[in-house]
Amino acid sequence: MIMFQNIILQASPSEGFGGMMLPMLALLLVFYLFMILPQNRKRKKDKKFISELKKGSKVVTSSGIHGKLTEMNEKDGTVTIETGAGKIKFEQAAISVELSRKFAPAVAKK
């Protein structure tokens, strides 16, 4: 807050407050376009990815653990993954890649 007060006080009297408004609005626009908008797009994409997961899908977690989905609990947002060592419970957000879809053979369209 102090920084903005210093900027306003340093503006020349001939420009007034209106002369400073344009750069401030440009800064807010750049902030929105380069930080907020991409984050919203990624959040929507991740939410769609998690909602499309099914039991039996082969997945990789963000920590690199490979396994197969055995249970999905929508109430607390967790999934149970069966690995070589047994079953492990993770948050849904920890799933980063679905191997079933990634390595599925491509169907040729005619």
PDB file of N, CA and C in Angstrom:
ATOM      1  N   MET A   1       0.829  -1.184   0.000  1.00  0.00           N
ATOM      2  CA  MET A   1       0.000   0.000   0.000  1.00  0.00           C
ATOM      3  C   MET A   1       0.873   1.247   0.000  1.00  0.00           C
ATOM      4  N   ILE A   2       1.966   1.209   0.757  1.00  0.00           N
ATOM      5  CA  ILE A   2       2.856   2.361   0.831  1.00  0.00           C
ATOM      6  C   ILE A   2       3.486   2.627  -0.521  1.00  0.00           C
ATOM      7  N   MET A   3       3.789   1.557  -1.254  1.00  0.00           N
ATOM      8  CA  MET A   3       4.406   1.704  -2.572  1.00  0.00           C
ATOM      9  C   MET A   3       3.486   2.484  -3.512  1.00  0.00           C
ATOM     10  N   PHE A   4       2.179   2.172  -3.472  1.00  0.00           N
ATOM     11  CA  PHE A   4       1.250   2.874  -4.340  1.00  0.00           C
ATOM     12  C   PHE A   4       1.099   4.343  -3.933  1.00  0.00           C
ATOM     13  N   GLN A   5       1.165   4.614  -2.638  1.00  0.00           N
ATOM     14  CA  GLN A   5       1.092   5.998  -2.187  1.00  0.00           C
ATOM     15  C   GLN A   5       2.311   6.771  -2.671  1.00  0.00           C
ATOM     16  N   ASN A   6       3.494   6.159  -2.628  1.00  0.00           N
ATOM     17  CA  ASN A   6       4.706   6.815  -3.109  1.00  0.00           C
ATOM     18  C   ASN A   6       4.620   7.082  -4.608  1.00  0.00           C
ATOM     19  N   ILE A   7       4.084   6.132  -5.359  1.00  0.00           N
ATOM     20  CA  ILE A   7       3.957   6.315  -6.806  1.00  0.00           C
ATOM     21  C   ILE A   7       3.014   7.464  -7.115  1.00  0.00           C
ATOM     22  N   ILE A   8       1.899   7.514  -6.421  1.00  0.00           N
ATOM     23  CA  ILE A   8       0.932   8.581  -6.660  1.00  0.00           C
ATOM     24  C   ILE A   8       1.525   9.937  -6.280  1.00  0.00           C
ATOM     25  N   LEU A   9       2.265   9.986  -5.176  1.00  0.00           N
ATOM     26  CA  LEU A   9       2.858  11.249  -4.749  1.00  0.00           C
ATOM     27  C   LEU A   9       3.967  11.704  -5.682  1.00  0.00           C
ATOM     28  N   GLN A  10       4.655  10.760  -6.344  1.00  0.00           N
ATOM     29  CA  GLN A  10       5.745  11.127  -7.242  1.00  0.00           C
ATOM     30  C   GLN A  10       5.254  11.566  -8.619  1.00  0.00           C
ATOM     31  N   ALA A  11       4.000  11.341  -8.928  1.00  0.00           N
ATOM     32  CA  ALA A  11       3.473  11.744 -10.237  1.00  0.00           C
ATOM     33  C   ALA A  11       3.509  13.265 -10.343  1.00  0.00           C
ATOM     34  N   SER A  12       3.815  13.712 -11.528  1.00  0.00           N
ATOM     35  CA  SER A  12       3.875  15.163 -11.714  1.00  0.00           C
ATOM     36  C   SER A  12       2.463  15.743 -11.658  1.00  0.00           C
ATOM     37  N   PRO A  13       2.324  16.974 -11.163  1.00  0.00           N
ATOM     38  CA  PRO A  13       0.996  17.563 -11.020  1.00  0.00           C
ATOM     39  C   PRO A  13       0.305  17.796 -12.354  1.00  0.00           C
ATOM     40  N   SER A  14       1.064  17.929 -13.436  1.00  0.00           N
ATOM     41  CA  SER A  14       0.433  18.191 -14.724  1.00  0.00           C
ATOM     42  C   SER A  14      -0.286  16.943 -15.245  1.00  0.00           C
ATOM     43  N   GLU A  15       0.196  15.735 -14.894  1.00  0.00           N
ATOM     44  CA  GLU A  15      -0.450  14.518 -15.370  1.00  0.00           C
ATOM     45  C   GLU A  15      -1.736  14.248 -14.591  1.00  0.00           C
ATOM     46  N   GLY A  16      -1.696  14.468 -13.318  1.00  0.00           N
ATOM     47  CA  GLY A  16      -2.856  14.186 -12.486  1.00  0.00           C
ATOM     48  C   GLY A  16      -3.029  12.696 -12.286  1.00  0.00           C
ATOM     49  N   PHE A  17      -4.108  12.333 -11.673  1.00  0.00           N
ATOM     50  CA  PHE A  17      -4.369  10.929 -11.381  1.00  0.00           C
ATOM     51  C   PHE A  17      -4.749  10.158 -12.646  1.00  0.00           C
ATOM     52  N   GLY A  18      -5.382  10.825 -13.598  1.00  0.00           N
ATOM     53  CA  GLY A  18      -5.796  10.181 -14.852  1.00  0.00           C
ATOM     54  C   GLY A  18      -4.613   9.727 -15.687  1.00  0.00           C
ATOM     55  N   GLY A  19      -3.501  10.430 -15.631  1.00  0.00           N
ATOM     56  CA  GLY A  19      -2.316  10.052 -16.391  1.00  0.00           C
ATOM     57  C   GLY A  19      -1.669   8.785 -15.876  1.00  0.00           C
ATOM     58  N   MET A  20      -1.885   8.498 -14.618  1.00  0.00           N
ATOM     59  CA  MET A  20      -1.324   7.281 -14.034  1.00  0.00           C
ATOM     60  C   MET A  20      -2.265   6.100 -14.142  1.00  0.00           C
ATOM     61  N   MET A  21      -3.504   6.364 -14.444  1.00  0.00           N
ATOM     62  CA  MET A  21      -4.492   5.292 -14.472  1.00  0.00           C
ATOM     63  C   MET A  21      -4.242   4.333 -15.640  1.00  0.00           C
ATOM     64  N   LEU A  22      -3.821   4.829 -16.778  1.00  0.00           N
ATOM     65  CA  LEU A  22      -3.592   3.989 -17.947  1.00  0.00           C
ATOM     66  C   LEU A  22      -2.483   2.950 -17.703  1.00  0.00           C
ATOM     67  N   PRO A  23      -1.317   3.321 -17.177  1.00  0.00           N
ATOM     68  CA  PRO A  23      -0.303   2.291 -16.897  1.00  0.00           C
ATOM     69  C   PRO A  23      -0.753   1.269 -15.847  1.00  0.00           C
ATOM     70  N   MET A  24      -1.505   1.727 -14.861  1.00  0.00           N
ATOM     71  CA  MET A  24      -2.010   0.802 -13.847  1.00  0.00           C
ATOM     72  C   MET A  24      -2.970  -0.206 -14.466  1.00  0.00           C
ATOM     73  N   LEU A  25      -3.864   0.258 -15.333  1.00  0.00           N
ATOM     74  CA  LEU A  25      -4.794  -0.642 -15.995  1.00  0.00           C
ATOM     75  C   LEU A  25      -4.056  -1.604 -16.925  1.00  0.00           C
ATOM     76  N   ALA A  26      -3.033  -1.110 -17.612  1.00  0.00           N
ATOM     77  CA  ALA A  26      -2.234  -1.978 -18.479  1.00  0.00           C
ATOM     78  C   ALA A  26      -1.533  -3.052 -17.656  1.00  0.00           C
ATOM     79  N   LEU A  27      -1.030  -2.698 -16.510  1.00  0.00           N
ATOM     80  CA  LEU A  27      -0.370  -3.658 -15.629  1.00  0.00           C
ATOM     81  C   LEU A  27      -1.357  -4.724 -15.151  1.00  0.00           C
ATOM     82  N   LEU A  28      -2.550  -4.327 -14.788  1.00  0.00           N
ATOM     83  CA  LEU A  28      -3.571  -5.284 -14.370  1.00  0.00           C
ATOM     84  C   LEU A  28      -3.970  -6.215 -15.509  1.00  0.00           C
ATOM     85  N   LEU A  29      -4.069  -5.681 -16.723  1.00  0.00           N
ATOM     86  CA  LEU A  29      -4.404  -6.494 -17.887  1.00  0.00           C
ATOM     87  C   LEU A  29      -3.321  -7.539 -18.154  1.00  0.00           C
ATOM     88  N   VAL A  30      -2.073  -7.132 -18.106  1.00  0.00           N
ATOM     89  CA  VAL A  30      -0.955  -8.070 -18.309  1.00  0.00           C
ATOM     90  C   VAL A  30      -0.959  -9.135 -17.222  1.00  0.00           C
ATOM     91  N   PHE A  31      -1.182  -8.737 -15.993  1.00  0.00           N
ATOM     92  CA  PHE A  31      -1.248  -9.679 -14.877  1.00  0.00           C
ATOM     93  C   PHE A  31      -2.346 -10.708 -15.110  1.00  0.00           C
ATOM     94  N   TYR A  32      -3.514 -10.255 -15.561  1.00  0.00           N
ATOM     95  CA  TYR A  32      -4.628 -11.159 -15.811  1.00  0.00           C
ATOM     96  C   TYR A  32      -4.313 -12.112 -16.962  1.00  0.00           C
ATOM     97  N   LEU A  33      -3.788 -11.577 -18.063  1.00  0.00           N
ATOM     98  CA  LEU A  33      -3.536 -12.399 -19.248  1.00  0.00           C
ATOM     99  C   LEU A  33      -2.433 -13.431 -19.039  1.00  0.00           C
ATOM    100  N   PHE A  34      -1.396 -13.096 -18.285  1.00  0.00           N
ATOM    101  CA  PHE A  34      -0.263 -13.995 -18.150  1.00  0.00           C
ATOM    102  C   PHE A  34      -0.255 -14.843 -16.876  1.00  0.00           C
ATOM    103  N   MET A  35      -1.093 -14.520 -15.903  1.00  0.00           N
ATOM    104  CA  MET A  35      -1.068 -15.290 -14.664  1.00  0.00           C
ATOM    105  C   MET A  35      -2.421 -15.919 -14.330  1.00  0.00           C
ATOM    106  N   ILE A  36      -3.468 -15.158 -14.329  1.00  0.00           N
ATOM    107  CA  ILE A  36      -4.757 -15.660 -13.868  1.00  0.00           C
ATOM    108  C   ILE A  36      -5.438 -16.530 -14.919  1.00  0.00           C
ATOM    109  N   LEU A  37      -5.495 -16.085 -16.159  1.00  0.00           N
ATOM    110  CA  LEU A  37      -6.173 -16.826 -17.218  1.00  0.00           C
ATOM    111  C   LEU A  37      -5.552 -18.204 -17.461  1.00  0.00           C
ATOM    112  N   PRO A  38      -4.241 -18.344 -17.606  1.00  0.00           N
ATOM    113  CA  PRO A  38      -3.669 -19.685 -17.786  1.00  0.00           C
ATOM    114  C   PRO A  38      -3.906 -20.611 -16.590  1.00  0.00           C
ATOM    115  N   GLN A  39      -3.893 -20.055 -15.394  1.00  0.00           N
ATOM    116  CA  GLN A  39      -4.132 -20.869 -14.211  1.00  0.00           C
ATOM    117  C   GLN A  39      -5.567 -21.395 -14.200  1.00  0.00           C
ATOM    118  N   ASN A  40      -6.526 -20.569 -14.601  1.00  0.00           N
ATOM    119  CA  ASN A  40      -7.917 -21.011 -14.670  1.00  0.00           C
ATOM    120  C   ASN A  40      -8.090 -22.103 -15.718  1.00  0.00           C
ATOM    121  N   ARG A  41      -7.434 -21.957 -16.860  1.00  0.00           N
ATOM    122  CA  ARG A  41      -7.513 -22.979 -17.909  1.00  0.00           C
ATOM    123  C   ARG A  41      -6.943 -24.302 -17.412  1.00  0.00           C
ATOM    124  N   LYS A  42      -5.808 -24.255 -16.736  1.00  0.00           N
ATOM    125  CA  LYS A  42      -5.179 -25.475 -16.223  1.00  0.00           C
ATOM    126  C   LYS A  42      -6.070 -26.134 -15.174  1.00  0.00           C
ATOM    127  N   ARG A  43      -6.684 -25.339 -14.316  1.00  0.00           N
ATOM    128  CA  ARG A  43      -7.563 -25.877 -13.281  1.00  0.00           C
ATOM    129  C   ARG A  43      -8.758 -26.605 -13.905  1.00  0.00           C
ATOM    130  N   LYS A  44      -9.355 -26.016 -14.956  1.00  0.00           N
ATOM    131  CA  LYS A  44     -10.473 -26.654 -15.638  1.00  0.00           C
ATOM    132  C   LYS A  44     -10.041 -27.955 -16.311  1.00  0.00           C
ATOM    133  N   LYS A  45      -8.870 -27.941 -16.936  1.00  0.00           N
ATOM    134  CA  LYS A  45      -8.344 -29.131 -17.610  1.00  0.00           C
ATOM    135  C   LYS A  45      -8.087 -30.249 -16.597  1.00  0.00           C
ATOM    136  N   ASP A  46      -7.496 -29.922 -15.454  1.00  0.00           N
ATOM    137  CA  ASP A  46      -7.217 -30.907 -14.420  1.00  0.00           C
ATOM    138  C   ASP A  46      -8.503 -31.476 -13.827  1.00  0.00           C
ATOM    139  N   LYS A  47      -9.492 -30.614 -13.629  1.00  0.00           N
ATOM    140  CA  LYS A  47     -10.766 -31.050 -13.077  1.00  0.00           C
ATOM    141  C   LYS A  47     -11.462 -32.022 -14.033  1.00  0.00           C
ATOM    142  N   LYS A  48     -11.392 -31.725 -15.330  1.00  0.00           N
ATOM    143  CA  LYS A  48     -11.980 -32.600 -16.338  1.00  0.00           C
ATOM    144  C   LYS A  48     -11.243 -33.936 -16.366  1.00  0.00           C
ATOM    145  N   PHE A  49      -9.918 -33.898 -16.287  1.00  0.00           N
ATOM    146  CA  PHE A  49      -9.106 -35.116 -16.286  1.00  0.00           C
ATOM    147  C   PHE A  49      -9.479 -36.011 -15.112  1.00  0.00           C
ATOM    148  N   ILE A  50      -9.594 -35.455 -13.926  1.00  0.00           N
ATOM    149  CA  ILE A  50      -9.924 -36.233 -12.729  1.00  0.00           C
ATOM    150  C   ILE A  50     -11.337 -36.810 -12.840  1.00  0.00           C
ATOM    151  N   SER A  51     -12.274 -36.039 -13.378  1.00  0.00           N
ATOM    152  CA  SER A  51     -13.655 -36.524 -13.470  1.00  0.00           C
ATOM    153  C   SER A  51     -13.799 -37.645 -14.494  1.00  0.00           C
ATOM    154  N   GLU A  52     -12.898 -37.744 -15.466  1.00  0.00           N
ATOM    155  CA  GLU A  52     -12.981 -38.780 -16.497  1.00  0.00           C
ATOM    156  C   GLU A  52     -12.294 -40.082 -16.097  1.00  0.00           C
ATOM    157  N   LEU A  53     -11.618 -40.112 -14.959  1.00  0.00           N
ATOM    158  CA  LEU A  53     -10.956 -41.339 -14.515  1.00  0.00           C
ATOM    159  C   LEU A  53     -11.989 -42.390 -14.122  1.00  0.00           C
ATOM    160  N   LYS A  54     -11.649 -43.660 -14.387  1.00  0.00           N
ATOM    161  CA  LYS A  54     -12.544 -44.769 -14.060  1.00  0.00           C
ATOM    162  C   LYS A  54     -11.760 -45.835 -13.296  1.00  0.00           C
ATOM    163  N   LYS A  55     -12.485 -46.709 -12.632  1.00  0.00           N
ATOM    164  CA  LYS A  55     -11.843 -47.840 -11.969  1.00  0.00           C
ATOM    165  C   LYS A  55     -11.187 -48.711 -13.027  1.00  0.00           C
ATOM    166  N   GLY A  56     -10.012 -49.219 -12.709  1.00  0.00           N
ATOM    167  CA  GLY A  56      -9.292 -50.072 -13.645  1.00  0.00           C
ATOM    168  C   GLY A  56      -8.314 -49.324 -14.532  1.00  0.00           C
ATOM    169  N   SER A  57      -8.319 -47.994 -14.492  1.00  0.00           N
ATOM    170  CA  SER A  57      -7.384 -47.198 -15.292  1.00  0.00           C
ATOM    171  C   SER A  57      -5.988 -47.311 -14.711  1.00  0.00           C
ATOM    172  N   LYS A  58      -5.013 -47.427 -15.581  1.00  0.00           N
ATOM    173  CA  LYS A  58      -3.622 -47.426 -15.132  1.00  0.00           C
ATOM    174  C   LYS A  58      -3.164 -45.982 -15.065  1.00  0.00           C
ATOM    175  N   VAL A  59      -2.600 -45.586 -13.926  1.00  0.00           N
ATOM    176  CA  VAL A  59      -2.243 -44.192 -13.694  1.00  0.00           C
ATOM    177  C   VAL A  59      -0.839 -44.074 -13.112  1.00  0.00           C
ATOM    178  N   VAL A  60      -0.310 -42.855 -13.173  1.00  0.00           N
ATOM    179  CA  VAL A  60       0.949 -42.509 -12.524  1.00  0.00           C
ATOM    180  C   VAL A  60       0.668 -41.307 -11.635  1.00  0.00           C
ATOM    181  N   THR A  61       1.127 -41.359 -10.396  1.00  0.00           N
ATOM    182  CA  THR A  61       0.928 -40.236  -9.482  1.00  0.00           C
ATOM    183  C   THR A  61       2.016 -39.191  -9.696  1.00  0.00           C
ATOM    184  N   SER A  62       1.844 -38.050  -9.086  1.00  0.00           N
ATOM    185  CA  SER A  62       2.840 -36.981  -9.208  1.00  0.00           C
ATOM    186  C   SER A  62       4.159 -37.360  -8.543  1.00  0.00           C
ATOM    187  N   SER A  63       4.132 -38.332  -7.641  1.00  0.00           N
ATOM    188  CA  SER A  63       5.363 -38.792  -7.009  1.00  0.00           C
ATOM    189  C   SER A  63       6.011 -39.935  -7.781  1.00  0.00           C
ATOM    190  N   GLY A  64       5.402 -40.352  -8.903  1.00  0.00           N
ATOM    191  CA  GLY A  64       6.002 -41.358  -9.769  1.00  0.00           C
ATOM    192  C   GLY A  64       5.577 -42.787  -9.499  1.00  0.00           C
ATOM    193  N   ILE A  65       4.563 -42.992  -8.692  1.00  0.00           N
ATOM    194  CA  ILE A  65       4.098 -44.349  -8.385  1.00  0.00           C
ATOM    195  C   ILE A  65       3.119 -44.793  -9.465  1.00  0.00           C
ATOM    196  N   HIS A  66       3.391 -45.947 -10.079  1.00  0.00           N
ATOM    197  CA  HIS A  66       2.526 -46.511 -11.109  1.00  0.00           C
ATOM    198  C   HIS A  66       1.569 -47.489 -10.458  1.00  0.00           C
ATOM    199  N   GLY A  67       0.326 -47.514 -10.931  1.00  0.00           N
ATOM    200  CA  GLY A  67      -0.634 -48.456 -10.379  1.00  0.00           C
ATOM    201  C   GLY A  67      -1.937 -48.435 -11.137  1.00  0.00           C
ATOM    202  N   LYS A  68      -2.887 -49.184 -10.617  1.00  0.00           N
ATOM    203  CA  LYS A  68      -4.204 -49.311 -11.231  1.00  0.00           C
ATOM    204  C   LYS A  68      -5.247 -48.838 -10.228  1.00  0.00           C
ATOM    205  N   LEU A  69      -6.187 -48.011 -10.679  1.00  0.00           N
ATOM    206  CA  LEU A  69      -7.231 -47.502  -9.787  1.00  0.00           C
ATOM    207  C   LEU A  69      -8.165 -48.626  -9.382  1.00  0.00           C
ATOM    208  N   THR A  70      -8.349 -48.784  -8.093  1.00  0.00           N
ATOM    209  CA  THR A  70      -9.277 -49.809  -7.613  1.00  0.00           C
ATOM    210  C   THR A  70     -10.508 -49.196  -6.961  1.00  0.00           C
ATOM    211  N   GLU A  71     -10.365 -48.031  -6.334  1.00  0.00           N
ATOM    212  CA  GLU A  71     -11.499 -47.354  -5.691  1.00  0.00           C
ATOM    213  C   GLU A  71     -11.392 -45.856  -5.906  1.00  0.00           C
ATOM    214  N   MET A  72     -12.552 -45.212  -6.051  1.00  0.00           N
ATOM    215  CA  MET A  72     -12.606 -43.748  -6.125  1.00  0.00           C
ATOM    216  C   MET A  72     -13.650 -43.268  -5.127  1.00  0.00           C
ATOM    217  N   ASN A  73     -13.250 -42.452  -4.174  1.00  0.00           N
ATOM    218  CA  ASN A  73     -14.144 -41.935  -3.152  1.00  0.00           C
ATOM    219  C   ASN A  73     -14.389 -40.454  -3.436  1.00  0.00           C
ATOM    220  N   GLU A  74     -15.579 -40.140  -3.896  1.00  0.00           N
ATOM    221  CA  GLU A  74     -15.927 -38.755  -4.246  1.00  0.00           C
ATOM    222  C   GLU A  74     -16.136 -37.887  -3.004  1.00  0.00           C
ATOM    223  N   LYS A  75     -16.526 -38.499  -1.889  1.00  0.00           N
ATOM    224  CA  LYS A  75     -16.811 -37.724  -0.674  1.00  0.00           C
ATOM    225  C   LYS A  75     -15.586 -36.997  -0.147  1.00  0.00           C
ATOM    226  N   ASP A  76     -14.474 -37.726  -0.018  1.00  0.00           N
ATOM    227  CA  ASP A  76     -13.270 -37.088   0.518  1.00  0.00           C
ATOM    228  C   ASP A  76     -12.205 -36.846  -0.540  1.00  0.00           C
ATOM    229  N   GLY A  77     -12.513 -37.124  -1.815  1.00  0.00           N
ATOM    230  CA  GLY A  77     -11.591 -36.807  -2.903  1.00  0.00           C
ATOM    231  C   GLY A  77     -10.342 -37.675  -2.942  1.00  0.00           C
ATOM    232  N   THR A  78     -10.499 -38.949  -2.584  1.00  0.00           N
ATOM    233  CA  THR A  78      -9.346 -39.835  -2.586  1.00  0.00           C
ATOM    234  C   THR A  78      -9.559 -40.987  -3.559  1.00  0.00           C
ATOM    235  N   VAL A  79      -8.463 -41.625  -3.934  1.00  0.00           N
ATOM    236  CA  VAL A  79      -8.487 -42.818  -4.776  1.00  0.00           C
ATOM    237  C   VAL A  79      -7.568 -43.856  -4.140  1.00  0.00           C
ATOM    238  N   THR A  80      -7.865 -45.115  -4.387  1.00  0.00           N
ATOM    239  CA  THR A  80      -6.999 -46.190  -3.931  1.00  0.00           C
ATOM    240  C   THR A  80      -6.352 -46.798  -5.160  1.00  0.00           C
ATOM    241  N   ILE A  81      -5.033 -46.891  -5.126  1.00  0.00           N
ATOM    242  CA  ILE A  81      -4.272 -47.402  -6.257  1.00  0.00           C
ATOM    243  C   ILE A  81      -3.607 -48.705  -5.846  1.00  0.00           C
ATOM    244  N   GLU A  82      -3.761 -49.726  -6.699  1.00  0.00           N
ATOM    245  CA  GLU A  82      -3.119 -51.002  -6.457  1.00  0.00           C
ATOM    246  C   GLU A  82      -1.769 -51.011  -7.156  1.00  0.00           C
ATOM    247  N   THR A  83      -0.722 -51.188  -6.391  1.00  0.00           N
ATOM    248  CA  THR A  83       0.641 -51.232  -6.927  1.00  0.00           C
ATOM    249  C   THR A  83       1.233 -52.611  -6.658  1.00  0.00           C
ATOM    250  N   GLY A  84       2.481 -52.794  -7.033  1.00  0.00           N
ATOM    251  CA  GLY A  84       3.152 -54.058  -6.767  1.00  0.00           C
ATOM    252  C   GLY A  84       3.328 -54.316  -5.280  1.00  0.00           C
ATOM    253  N   ALA A  85       3.367 -53.269  -4.481  1.00  0.00           N
ATOM    254  CA  ALA A  85       3.576 -53.403  -3.041  1.00  0.00           C
ATOM    255  C   ALA A  85       2.270 -53.528  -2.267  1.00  0.00           C
ATOM    256  N   GLY A  86       1.139 -53.316  -2.920  1.00  0.00           N
ATOM    257  CA  GLY A  86      -0.147 -53.370  -2.231  1.00  0.00           C
ATOM    258  C   GLY A  86      -1.019 -52.209  -2.655  1.00  0.00           C
ATOM    259  N   LYS A  87      -2.026 -51.908  -1.829  1.00  0.00           N
ATOM    260  CA  LYS A  87      -2.945 -50.808  -2.133  1.00  0.00           C
ATOM    261  C   LYS A  87      -2.536 -49.567  -1.339  1.00  0.00           C
ATOM    262  N   ILE A  88      -2.566 -48.422  -2.030  1.00  0.00           N
ATOM    263  CA  ILE A  88      -2.185 -47.151  -1.406  1.00  0.00           C
ATOM    264  C   ILE A  88      -3.296 -46.139  -1.673  1.00  0.00           C
ATOM    265  N   LYS A  89      -3.626 -45.345  -0.666  1.00  0.00           N
ATOM    266  CA  LYS A  89      -4.657 -44.321  -0.793  1.00  0.00           C
ATOM    267  C   LYS A  89      -4.005 -42.971  -1.084  1.00  0.00           C
ATOM    268  N   PHE A  90      -4.486 -42.275  -2.117  1.00  0.00           N
ATOM    269  CA  PHE A  90      -3.961 -40.973  -2.538  1.00  0.00           C
ATOM    270  C   PHE A  90      -5.095 -39.974  -2.698  1.00  0.00           C
ATOM    271  N   GLU A  91      -4.732 -38.707  -2.707  1.00  0.00           N
ATOM    272  CA  GLU A  91      -5.670 -37.658  -3.099  1.00  0.00           C
ATOM    273  C   GLU A  91      -5.859 -37.734  -4.618  1.00  0.00           C
ATOM    274  N   GLN A  92      -7.039 -37.373  -5.101  1.00  0.00           N
ATOM    275  CA  GLN A  92      -7.285 -37.404  -6.547  1.00  0.00           C
ATOM    276  C   GLN A  92      -6.344 -36.462  -7.287  1.00  0.00           C
ATOM    277  N   ALA A  93      -5.997 -35.371  -6.670  1.00  0.00           N
ATOM    278  CA  ALA A  93      -5.121 -34.383  -7.307  1.00  0.00           C
ATOM    279  C   ALA A  93      -3.703 -34.906  -7.512  1.00  0.00           C
ATOM    280  N   ALA A  94      -3.340 -35.998  -6.829  1.00  0.00           N
ATOM    281  CA  ALA A  94      -1.993 -36.551  -6.964  1.00  0.00           C
ATOM    282  C   ALA A  94      -1.810 -37.341  -8.254  1.00  0.00           C
ATOM    283  N   ILE A  95      -2.895 -37.647  -8.961  1.00  0.00           N
ATOM    284  CA  ILE A  95      -2.781 -38.400 -10.208  1.00  0.00           C
ATOM    285  C   ILE A  95      -2.389 -37.427 -11.312  1.00  0.00           C
ATOM    286  N   SER A  96      -1.288 -37.750 -12.005  1.00  0.00           N
ATOM    287  CA  SER A  96      -0.800 -36.823 -13.021  1.00  0.00           C
ATOM    288  C   SER A  96      -1.004 -37.329 -14.444  1.00  0.00           C
ATOM    289  N   VAL A  97      -0.936 -38.653 -14.670  1.00  0.00           N
ATOM    290  CA  VAL A  97      -1.052 -39.189 -16.026  1.00  0.00           C
ATOM    291  C   VAL A  97      -1.885 -40.462 -15.987  1.00  0.00           C
ATOM    292  N   GLU A  98      -2.725 -40.632 -17.001  1.00  0.00           N
ATOM    293  CA  GLU A  98      -3.443 -41.886 -17.154  1.00  0.00           C
ATOM    294  C   GLU A  98      -2.771 -42.660 -18.273  1.00  0.00           C
ATOM    295  N   LEU A  99      -2.159 -43.780 -17.943  1.00  0.00           N
ATOM    296  CA  LEU A  99      -1.418 -44.559 -18.929  1.00  0.00           C
ATOM    297  C   LEU A  99      -2.344 -45.319 -19.866  1.00  0.00           C
ATOM    298  N   SER A 100      -3.536 -45.671 -19.410  1.00  0.00           N
ATOM    299  CA  SER A 100      -4.472 -46.409 -20.252  1.00  0.00           C
ATOM    300  C   SER A 100      -4.791 -45.626 -21.519  1.00  0.00           C
ATOM    301  N   ARG A 101      -5.000 -44.336 -21.367  1.00  0.00           N
ATOM    302  CA  ARG A 101      -5.361 -43.489 -22.499  1.00  0.00           C
ATOM    303  C   ARG A 101      -4.122 -43.066 -23.289  1.00  0.00           C
ATOM    304  N   LYS A 102      -3.023 -42.824 -22.594  1.00  0.00           N
ATOM    305  CA  LYS A 102      -1.827 -42.307 -23.247  1.00  0.00           C
ATOM    306  C   LYS A 102      -1.230 -43.308 -24.225  1.00  0.00           C
ATOM    307  N   PHE A 103      -1.216 -44.581 -23.858  1.00  0.00           N
ATOM    308  CA  PHE A 103      -0.593 -45.583 -24.707  1.00  0.00           C
ATOM    309  C   PHE A 103      -1.601 -46.456 -25.449  1.00  0.00           C
ATOM    310  N   ALA A 104      -2.865 -46.049 -25.454  1.00  0.00           N
ATOM    311  CA  ALA A 104      -3.881 -46.818 -26.188  1.00  0.00           C
ATOM    312  C   ALA A 104      -3.619 -46.666 -27.682  1.00  0.00           C
ATOM    313  N   PRO A 105      -3.842 -47.726 -28.456  1.00  0.00           N
ATOM    314  CA  PRO A 105      -3.610 -47.622 -29.894  1.00  0.00           C
ATOM    315  C   PRO A 105      -4.569 -46.624 -30.532  1.00  0.00           C
ATOM    316  N   ALA A 106      -4.025 -45.838 -31.422  1.00  0.00           N
ATOM    317  CA  ALA A 106      -4.824 -44.817 -32.094  1.00  0.00           C
ATOM    318  C   ALA A 106      -5.745 -45.480 -33.116  1.00  0.00           C
ATOM    319  N   VAL A 107      -6.996 -45.060 -33.119  1.00  0.00           N
ATOM    320  CA  VAL A 107      -7.964 -45.587 -34.062  1.00  0.00           C
ATOM    321  C   VAL A 107      -7.941 -44.709 -35.305  1.00  0.00           C
ATOM    322  N   ALA A 108      -7.743 -45.334 -36.458  1.00  0.00           N
ATOM    323  CA  ALA A 108      -7.668 -44.576 -37.713  1.00  0.00           C
ATOM    324  C   ALA A 108      -9.071 -44.183 -38.150  1.00  0.00           C
ATOM    325  N   LYS A 109      -9.241 -42.911 -38.472  1.00  0.00           N
ATOM    326  CA  LYS A 109     -10.545 -42.410 -38.950  1.00  0.00           C
ATOM    327  C   LYS A 109     -10.552 -42.487 -40.468  1.00  0.00           C
ATOM    328  N   LYS A 110     -11.661 -42.959 -40.983  1.00  0.00           N
ATOM    329  CA  LYS A 110     -11.783 -43.070 -42.452  1.00  0.00           C
ATOM    330  C   LYS A 110     -12.878 -42.175 -42.948  1.00  0.00           C
TER     331      LYS A 110
END
